[in-house]
C-alpha atoms as a PDB file:
ATOM      1  CA  MET A   1      -0.002   0.001  -0.002  1.00  0.00           C
ATOM      2  CA  SER A   2       1.546   3.287  -1.053  1.00  0.00           C
ATOM      3  CA  LYS A   3       1.843   6.210   1.319  1.00  0.00           C
ATOM      4  CA  ASN A   4       0.453   9.566   0.385  1.00  0.00           C
ATOM      5  CA  LYS A   5       2.563  12.664   0.774  1.00  0.00           C
ATOM      6  CA  TYR A   6       0.876  13.664   4.056  1.00  0.00           C
ATOM      7  CA  GLU A   7       1.842  10.538   5.982  1.00  0.00           C
ATOM      8  CA  ASN A   8       5.299  11.973   6.581  1.00  0.00           C
ATOM      9  CA  PRO A   9       4.362  15.640   6.442  1.00  0.00           C
ATOM     10  CA  LEU A  10       7.614  17.168   7.675  1.00  0.00           C
ATOM     11  CA  LYS A  11       9.566  15.830   4.710  1.00  0.00           C
ATOM     12  CA  ILE A  12       8.263  18.243   2.106  1.00  0.00           C
ATOM     13  CA  LEU A  13      11.430  17.627   0.114  1.00  0.00           C
ATOM     14  CA  SER A  14      10.134  14.124  -0.592  1.00  0.00           C
ATOM     15  CA  TRP A  15       7.084  15.566  -2.359  1.00  0.00           C
ATOM     16  CA  SER A  16       7.055  16.058  -6.101  1.00  0.00           C
ATOM     17  CA  GLU A  17       8.627  19.392  -6.943  1.00  0.00           C
ATOM     18  CA  GLU A  18       5.335  20.895  -8.087  1.00  0.00           C
ATOM     19  CA  ASP A  19       3.890  20.279  -4.598  1.00  0.00           C
ATOM     20  CA  ARG A  20       6.653  22.121  -2.736  1.00  0.00           C
ATOM     21  CA  PRO A  21       5.588  25.727  -2.035  1.00  0.00           C
ATOM     22  CA  ARG A  22       9.051  27.282  -2.412  1.00  0.00           C
ATOM     23  CA  GLU A  23       9.827  25.441  -5.650  1.00  0.00           C
ATOM     24  CA  LYS A  24       6.370  26.249  -6.971  1.00  0.00           C
ATOM     25  CA  PHE A  25       7.005  29.908  -6.133  1.00  0.00           C
ATOM     26  CA  MET A  26      10.277  29.866  -8.060  1.00  0.00           C
ATOM     27  CA  ASN A  27       9.085  27.840 -11.052  1.00  0.00           C
ATOM     28  CA  LYS A  28       5.549  29.099 -11.553  1.00  0.00           C
ATOM     29  CA  GLY A  29       5.586  32.498  -9.884  1.00  0.00           C
ATOM     30  CA  ARG A  30       3.991  33.842  -6.727  1.00  0.00           C
ATOM     31  CA  ALA A  31       0.522  34.114  -8.287  1.00  0.00           C
ATOM     32  CA  ALA A  32       0.390  30.337  -8.758  1.00  0.00           C
ATOM     33  CA  LEU A  33       0.400  29.696  -5.003  1.00  0.00           C
ATOM     34  CA  SER A  34      -2.710  29.536  -2.870  1.00  0.00           C
ATOM     35  CA  ASP A  35      -2.988  31.694   0.246  1.00  0.00           C
ATOM     36  CA  ALA A  36      -2.265  28.614   2.363  1.00  0.00           C
ATOM     37  CA  GLU A  37       0.874  27.807   0.371  1.00  0.00           C
ATOM     38  CA  LEU A  38       2.186  31.340   0.828  1.00  0.00           C
ATOM     39  CA  ILE A  39       1.538  31.126   4.573  1.00  0.00           C
ATOM     40  CA  ALA A  40       3.278  27.719   4.636  1.00  0.00           C
ATOM     41  CA  ILE A  41       6.409  29.398   3.254  1.00  0.00           C
ATOM     42  CA  LEU A  42       6.235  31.927   6.095  1.00  0.00           C
ATOM     43  CA  ILE A  43       5.804  29.391   8.891  1.00  0.00           C
ATOM     44  CA  GLY A  44       8.443  27.093   7.421  1.00  0.00           C
ATOM     45  CA  SER A  45       7.532  23.846   9.165  1.00  0.00           C
ATOM     46  CA  GLY A  46       4.535  22.010  10.505  1.00  0.00           C
ATOM     47  CA  THR A  47       4.136  19.515  13.338  1.00  0.00           C
ATOM     48  CA  PRO A  48       4.937  15.791  13.631  1.00  0.00           C
ATOM     49  CA  LYS A  49       1.415  15.101  12.396  1.00  0.00           C
ATOM     50  CA  MET A  50       0.924  17.672   9.657  1.00  0.00           C
ATOM     51  CA  SER A  51       2.901  19.572   7.066  1.00  0.00           C
ATOM     52  CA  ALA A  52       3.366  23.327   6.968  1.00  0.00           C
ATOM     53  CA  VAL A  53       0.849  23.424   4.098  1.00  0.00           C
ATOM     54  CA  ASP A  54      -1.747  21.476   6.092  1.00  0.00           C
ATOM     55  CA  LEU A  55      -1.187  23.699   9.112  1.00  0.00           C
ATOM     56  CA  ALA A  56      -1.547  26.795   6.922  1.00  0.00           C
ATOM     57  CA  LYS A  57      -4.816  25.413   5.520  1.00  0.00           C
ATOM     58  CA  ILE A  58      -6.171  24.985   9.053  1.00  0.00           C
ATOM     59  CA  ILE A  59      -5.187  28.571   9.871  1.00  0.00           C
ATOM     60  CA  MET A  60      -6.959  29.819   6.745  1.00  0.00           C
ATOM     61  CA  GLN A  61     -10.058  27.734   7.507  1.00  0.00           C
ATOM     62  CA  SER A  62     -10.232  29.314  10.955  1.00  0.00           C
ATOM     63  CA  CYS A  63     -10.406  32.681   9.169  1.00  0.00           C
ATOM     64  CA  LYS A  64     -13.065  31.562   6.669  1.00  0.00           C
ATOM     65  CA  ASP A  65     -10.355  31.279   3.988  1.00  0.00           C
ATOM     66  CA  ASN A  66     -10.216  35.059   3.923  1.00  0.00           C
ATOM     67  CA  ILE A  67      -6.909  36.964   4.110  1.00  0.00           C
ATOM     68  CA  ASN A  68      -8.731  40.058   5.360  1.00  0.00           C
ATOM     69  CA  GLU A  69     -10.040  38.043   8.315  1.00  0.00           C
ATOM     70  CA  LEU A  70      -6.551  36.666   8.976  1.00  0.00           C
ATOM     71  CA  ALA A  71      -5.225  40.223   9.119  1.00  0.00           C
ATOM     72  CA  LYS A  72      -7.518  40.887  12.091  1.00  0.00           C
ATOM     73  CA  VAL A  73      -6.154  38.140  14.356  1.00  0.00           C
ATOM     74  CA  THR A  74      -3.567  38.620  17.094  1.00  0.00           C
ATOM     75  CA  VAL A  75      -0.350  36.792  17.884  1.00  0.00           C
ATOM     76  CA  ASN A  76      -2.148  34.969  20.692  1.00  0.00           C
ATOM     77  CA  ASP A  77      -4.921  33.916  18.294  1.00  0.00           C
ATOM     78  CA  LEU A  78      -2.383  32.300  15.969  1.00  0.00           C
ATOM     79  CA  LYS A  79      -0.537  30.647  18.844  1.00  0.00           C
ATOM     80  CA  LYS A  80      -3.676  28.630  19.595  1.00  0.00           C
ATOM     81  CA  HIS A  81      -2.848  26.491  16.541  1.00  0.00           C
ATOM     82  CA  PRO A  82      -0.524  23.541  17.290  1.00  0.00           C
ATOM     83  CA  GLY A  83       2.921  24.184  15.862  1.00  0.00           C
ATOM     84  CA  ILE A  84       2.557  27.977  15.829  1.00  0.00           C
ATOM     85  CA  GLY A  85       4.756  29.721  18.359  1.00  0.00           C
ATOM     86  CA  GLU A  86       5.346  33.413  18.852  1.00  0.00           C
ATOM     87  CA  ALA A  87       8.049  33.656  16.161  1.00  0.00           C
ATOM     88  CA  LYS A  88       5.871  32.070  13.462  1.00  0.00           C
ATOM     89  CA  ALA A  89       2.839  34.108  14.478  1.00  0.00           C
ATOM     90  CA  VAL A  90       4.806  37.339  14.342  1.00  0.00           C
ATOM     91  CA  THR A  91       6.244  36.383  10.925  1.00  0.00           C
ATOM     92  CA  VAL A  92       2.771  35.839   9.447  1.00  0.00           C
ATOM     93  CA  LEU A  93       1.342  39.063  10.871  1.00  0.00           C
ATOM     94  CA  ALA A  94       4.440  41.054   9.860  1.00  0.00           C
ATOM     95  CA  ALA A  95       3.982  39.870   6.260  1.00  0.00           C
ATOM     96  CA  LEU A  96       0.342  40.953   6.310  1.00  0.00           C
ATOM     97  CA  GLU A  97       1.334  44.345   7.722  1.00  0.00           C
ATOM     98  CA  LEU A  98       3.858  44.800   4.919  1.00  0.00           C
ATOM     99  CA  GLY A  99       1.060  44.135   2.449  1.00  0.00           C
ATOM    100  CA  ARG A 100      -1.046  46.792   4.130  1.00  0.00           C
ATOM    101  CA  ARG A 101       1.812  49.295   4.093  1.00  0.00           C
ATOM    102  CA  ARG A 102       2.395  48.694   0.407  1.00  0.00           C
ATOM    103  CA  ASN A 103      -1.070  50.152  -0.145  1.00  0.00           C
ATOM    104  CA  ASP A 104      -0.146  53.115   2.030  1.00  0.00           C
ATOM    105  CA  LEU A 105       2.594  54.288  -0.312  1.00  0.00           C
ATOM    106  CA  ILE A 106       1.804  57.661  -1.741  1.00  0.00           C
ATOM    107  CA  GLY A 107       2.454  58.132  -5.438  1.00  0.00           C
ATOM    108  CA  THR A 108       3.901  61.229  -7.022  1.00  0.00           C
ATOM    109  CA  GLN A 109       0.528  62.287  -8.435  1.00  0.00           C
ATOM    110  CA  LYS A 110      -1.846  63.699  -5.860  1.00  0.00           C
ATOM    111  CA  ARG A 111      -5.141  61.892  -5.559  1.00  0.00           C
ATOM    112  CA  LYS A 112      -8.297  63.915  -6.092  1.00  0.00           C
ATOM    113  CA  ILE A 113     -11.418  63.389  -4.023  1.00  0.00           C
ATOM    114  CA  THR A 114     -14.425  63.563  -6.326  1.00  0.00           C
ATOM    115  CA  ASN A 115     -17.123  61.658  -4.404  1.00  0.00           C
ATOM    116  CA  SER A 116     -17.713  59.419  -1.393  1.00  0.00           C
ATOM    117  CA  LYS A 117     -16.388  56.350  -3.222  1.00  0.00           C
ATOM    118  CA  THR A 118     -12.981  58.009  -3.646  1.00  0.00           C
ATOM    119  CA  VAL A 119     -12.978  58.839   0.073  1.00  0.00           C
ATOM    120  CA  TYR A 120     -13.653  55.194   0.868  1.00  0.00           C
ATOM    121  CA  GLU A 121     -10.851  53.993  -1.418  1.00  0.00           C
ATOM    122  CA  GLU A 122      -8.481  56.566   0.092  1.00  0.00           C
ATOM    123  CA  MET A 123      -9.105  55.255   3.596  1.00  0.00           C
ATOM    124  CA  LYS A 124      -9.013  51.507   2.902  1.00  0.00           C
ATOM    125  CA  PRO A 125      -5.264  51.163   3.588  1.00  0.00           C
ATOM    126  CA  TYR A 126      -5.710  52.818   6.977  1.00  0.00           C
ATOM    127  CA  LEU A 127      -8.990  51.411   8.280  1.00  0.00           C
ATOM    128  CA  LEU A 128      -9.582  48.024   6.657  1.00  0.00           C
ATOM    129  CA  ASP A 129      -9.545  45.162   9.189  1.00  0.00           C
ATOM    130  CA  LYS A 130      -9.219  47.408  12.245  1.00  0.00           C
ATOM    131  CA  PRO A 131     -10.795  45.759  15.355  1.00  0.00           C
ATOM    132  CA  HIS A 132     -11.208  49.095  17.185  1.00  0.00           C
ATOM    133  CA  GLU A 133     -12.559  52.542  16.309  1.00  0.00           C
ATOM    134  CA  GLU A 134     -10.265  55.175  14.873  1.00  0.00           C
ATOM    135  CA  PHE A 135     -11.050  58.760  13.854  1.00  0.00           C
ATOM    136  CA  TRP A 136      -9.191  60.266  10.877  1.00  0.00           C
ATOM    137  CA  ILE A 137      -9.256  63.437   8.834  1.00  0.00           C
ATOM    138  CA  ILE A 138      -8.365  63.921   5.183  1.00  0.00           C
ATOM    139  CA  LEU A 139      -6.893  67.343   4.440  1.00  0.00           C
ATOM    140  CA  LEU A 140      -7.549  68.718   0.953  1.00  0.00           C
ATOM    141  CA  ASN A 141      -6.120  71.603  -1.063  1.00  0.00           C
ATOM    142  CA  ARG A 142      -8.219  73.991  -3.167  1.00  0.00           C
ATOM    143  CA  ALA A 143      -8.341  71.457  -6.010  1.00  0.00           C
ATOM    144  CA  ASN A 144      -9.758  68.781  -3.639  1.00  0.00           C
ATOM    145  CA  GLN A 145      -6.490  66.849  -3.850  1.00  0.00           C
ATOM    146  CA  VAL A 146      -5.353  64.881  -0.820  1.00  0.00           C
ATOM    147  CA  MET A 147      -2.626  66.639   1.134  1.00  0.00           C
ATOM    148  CA  ARG A 148      -2.506  64.286   4.114  1.00  0.00           C
ATOM    149  CA  SER A 149      -4.613  61.715   5.923  1.00  0.00           C
ATOM    150  CA  ILE A 150      -4.117  62.005   9.697  1.00  0.00           C
ATOM    151  CA  GLN A 151      -5.237  59.825  12.587  1.00  0.00           C
ATOM    152  CA  ILE A 152      -6.878  61.936  15.291  1.00  0.00           C
ATOM    153  CA  SER A 153      -7.728  59.344  17.902  1.00  0.00           C
ATOM    154  CA  VAL A 154      -7.948  55.623  18.662  1.00  0.00           C
ATOM    155  CA  GLY A 155     -10.622  54.132  20.862  1.00  0.00           C
ATOM    156  CA  GLY A 156     -12.274  50.875  21.770  1.00  0.00           C
ATOM    157  CA  VAL A 157     -14.602  48.577  19.911  1.00  0.00           C
ATOM    158  CA  SER A 158     -17.528  51.000  19.916  1.00  0.00           C
ATOM    159  CA  SER A 159     -16.247  54.549  20.394  1.00  0.00           C
ATOM    160  CA  THR A 160     -13.334  56.963  20.299  1.00  0.00           C
ATOM    161  CA  ALA A 161     -12.925  60.451  21.748  1.00  0.00           C
ATOM    162  CA  VAL A 162     -12.376  63.389  19.387  1.00  0.00           C
ATOM    163  CA  ASP A 163     -10.906  66.797  20.228  1.00  0.00           C
ATOM    164  CA  ILE A 164     -12.327  69.306  17.734  1.00  0.00           C
ATOM    165  CA  LYS A 165      -9.537  71.803  18.453  1.00  0.00           C
ATOM    166  CA  VAL A 166      -6.926  69.239  17.332  1.00  0.00           C
ATOM    167  CA  ILE A 167      -8.714  68.712  14.014  1.00  0.00           C
ATOM    168  CA  PHE A 168      -8.653  72.367  13.037  1.00  0.00           C
ATOM    169  CA  LYS A 169      -5.171  73.023  14.389  1.00  0.00           C
ATOM    170  CA  LEU A 170      -3.861  70.298  12.074  1.00  0.00           C
ATOM    171  CA  ALA A 171      -5.873  71.679   9.181  1.00  0.00           C
ATOM    172  CA  VAL A 172      -4.515  75.197   9.706  1.00  0.00           C
ATOM    173  CA  ASP A 173      -0.929  74.017  10.308  1.00  0.00           C
ATOM    174  CA  ASN A 174      -1.004  72.076   7.023  1.00  0.00           C
ATOM    175  CA  LEU A 175      -2.575  74.986   5.109  1.00  0.00           C
ATOM    176  CA  ALA A 176      -5.540  72.845   4.105  1.00  0.00           C
ATOM    177  CA  SER A 177      -8.529  74.327   2.302  1.00  0.00           C
ATOM    178  CA  SER A 178     -11.095  71.797   3.483  1.00  0.00           C
ATOM    179  CA  VAL A 179     -11.497  68.692   5.635  1.00  0.00           C
ATOM    180  CA  ILE A 180     -13.208  65.327   5.393  1.00  0.00           C
ATOM    181  CA  LEU A 181     -13.972  63.357   8.566  1.00  0.00           C
ATOM    182  CA  VAL A 182     -13.776  59.554   8.643  1.00  0.00           C
ATOM    183  CA  HIS A 183     -14.236  57.048  11.426  1.00  0.00           C
ATOM    184  CA  ASN A 184     -14.769  53.300  11.314  1.00  0.00           C
ATOM    185  CA  HIS A 185     -17.337  50.999  12.867  1.00  0.00           C
ATOM    186  CA  PRO A 186     -15.640  47.630  13.498  1.00  0.00           C
ATOM    187  CA  SER A 187     -19.089  46.111  14.081  1.00  0.00           C
ATOM    188  CA  GLY A 188     -19.994  46.757  10.447  1.00  0.00           C
ATOM    189  CA  GLN A 189     -22.944  48.922  11.509  1.00  0.00           C
ATOM    190  CA  LEU A 190     -23.500  51.622   8.883  1.00  0.00           C
ATOM    191  CA  THR A 191     -26.171  53.641  10.681  1.00  0.00           C
ATOM    192  CA  PRO A 192     -24.680  56.655  12.501  1.00  0.00           C
ATOM    193  CA  SER A 193     -25.266  56.876  16.235  1.00  0.00           C
ATOM    194  CA  SER A 194     -26.754  59.952  17.869  1.00  0.00           C
ATOM    195  CA  ALA A 195     -23.224  60.758  19.105  1.00  0.00           C
ATOM    196  CA  ASP A 196     -21.930  60.552  15.507  1.00  0.00           C
ATOM    197  CA  CYS A 197     -24.612  62.998  14.350  1.00  0.00           C
ATOM    198  CA  THR A 198     -23.963  65.427  17.212  1.00  0.00           C
ATOM    199  CA  LEU A 199     -20.210  65.369  16.629  1.00  0.00           C
ATOM    200  CA  THR A 200     -20.702  65.973  12.903  1.00  0.00           C
ATOM    201  CA  ARG A 201     -22.837  69.044  13.552  1.00  0.00           C
ATOM    202  CA  GLN A 202     -20.336  70.420  16.058  1.00  0.00           C
ATOM    203  CA  ILE A 203     -17.336  69.978  13.767  1.00  0.00           C
ATOM    204  CA  LYS A 204     -19.212  71.346  10.753  1.00  0.00           C
ATOM    205  CA  GLU A 205     -20.197  74.470  12.719  1.00  0.00           C
ATOM    206  CA  ALA A 206     -16.636  74.965  13.991  1.00  0.00           C
ATOM    207  CA  GLY A 207     -15.395  74.690  10.405  1.00  0.00           C
ATOM    208  CA  ARG A 208     -17.913  77.288   9.258  1.00  0.00           C
ATOM    209  CA  LEU A 209     -16.708  79.747  11.907  1.00  0.00           C
ATOM    210  CA  LEU A 210     -13.060  79.139  10.944  1.00  0.00           C
ATOM    211  CA  ASP A 211     -13.740  79.265   7.186  1.00  0.00           C
ATOM    212  CA  MET A 212     -12.528  75.650   6.932  1.00  0.00           C
ATOM    213  CA  PRO A 213     -15.309  73.712   5.163  1.00  0.00           C
ATOM    214  CA  VAL A 214     -16.047  70.180   6.377  1.00  0.00           C
ATOM    215  CA  LEU A 215     -17.063  68.436   3.150  1.00  0.00           C
ATOM    216  CA  ASP A 216     -18.196  65.073   4.489  1.00  0.00           C
ATOM    217  CA  HIS A 217     -18.161  62.681   7.406  1.00  0.00           C
ATOM    218  CA  MET A 218     -17.851  59.028   6.457  1.00  0.00           C
ATOM    219  CA  ILE A 219     -18.560  55.956   8.565  1.00  0.00           C
ATOM    220  CA  PHE A 220     -16.201  53.292   7.249  1.00  0.00           C
ATOM    221  CA  THR A 221     -16.756  49.519   7.480  1.00  0.00           C
ATOM    222  CA  ASP A 222     -14.955  46.662   5.760  1.00  0.00           C
ATOM    223  CA  ASN A 223     -18.004  46.037   3.564  1.00  0.00           C
ATOM    224  CA  GLY A 224     -19.214  49.537   2.774  1.00  0.00           C
ATOM    225  CA  TYR A 225     -19.694  53.064   4.065  1.00  0.00           C
ATOM    226  CA  TYR A 226     -22.156  55.736   5.120  1.00  0.00           C
ATOM    227  CA  SER A 227     -21.637  59.269   3.798  1.00  0.00           C
ATOM    228  CA  PHE A 228     -23.307  62.146   5.641  1.00  0.00           C
ATOM    229  CA  LYS A 229     -22.978  64.212   2.466  1.00  0.00           C
ATOM    230  CA  ASP A 230     -24.630  61.587   0.253  1.00  0.00           C
ATOM    231  CA  GLU A 231     -27.481  61.395   2.751  1.00  0.00           C
ATOM    232  CA  GLY A 232     -27.988  65.194   2.642  1.00  0.00           C
ATOM    233  CA  GLU A 233     -26.757  65.702   6.214  1.00  0.00           C
ATOM    234  CA  MET A 234     -23.795  68.013   5.556  1.00  0.00           C
END
């Protein structure tokens, strides 16, 4: 009776070359590998009972086979899997963070905000997968081009404190012409709370007094957004 390749999982070198993640990466290119195979390369080895690939598949299954869900887990979450210690967990999460930062790179051409969809795309690198609330502002020049996106505060799962004076000090210091407000709801809830509505009115009024227009306030979730402007509330 012949053994399949998983009966001695640690000896990946005994597999056919096309089944080895590193060789597959080199011979067929990175796009040919599944998410699990790429993670297997990062973790390097499995356990006495399963290969690195099998272990990576279990990790992916625990995250619904979704890289975005994997990006939300902690080191301690990953360490719950047999064969994953702190070093391997940190390696996986560091790779995911590098992927996020790649999207943060600012090109030489300034990006122009034309509607709520462009606001959402602008903020994806900063707010996608965040397990807690964060409040950000986007500073725009007179041509509605992005000057800077700045984090104002970080809170818990359901709220974050915002100092209105800080928002407008940053806007003035950076010589911005207008401001867009963005905060995320980790719960995925798109409906603004009464506190969200009150804060929006307060910041909009402060901007009017300072001749610093507040163009929109967006509630960001991983699966969509709510725009106060689109809803006629700005």
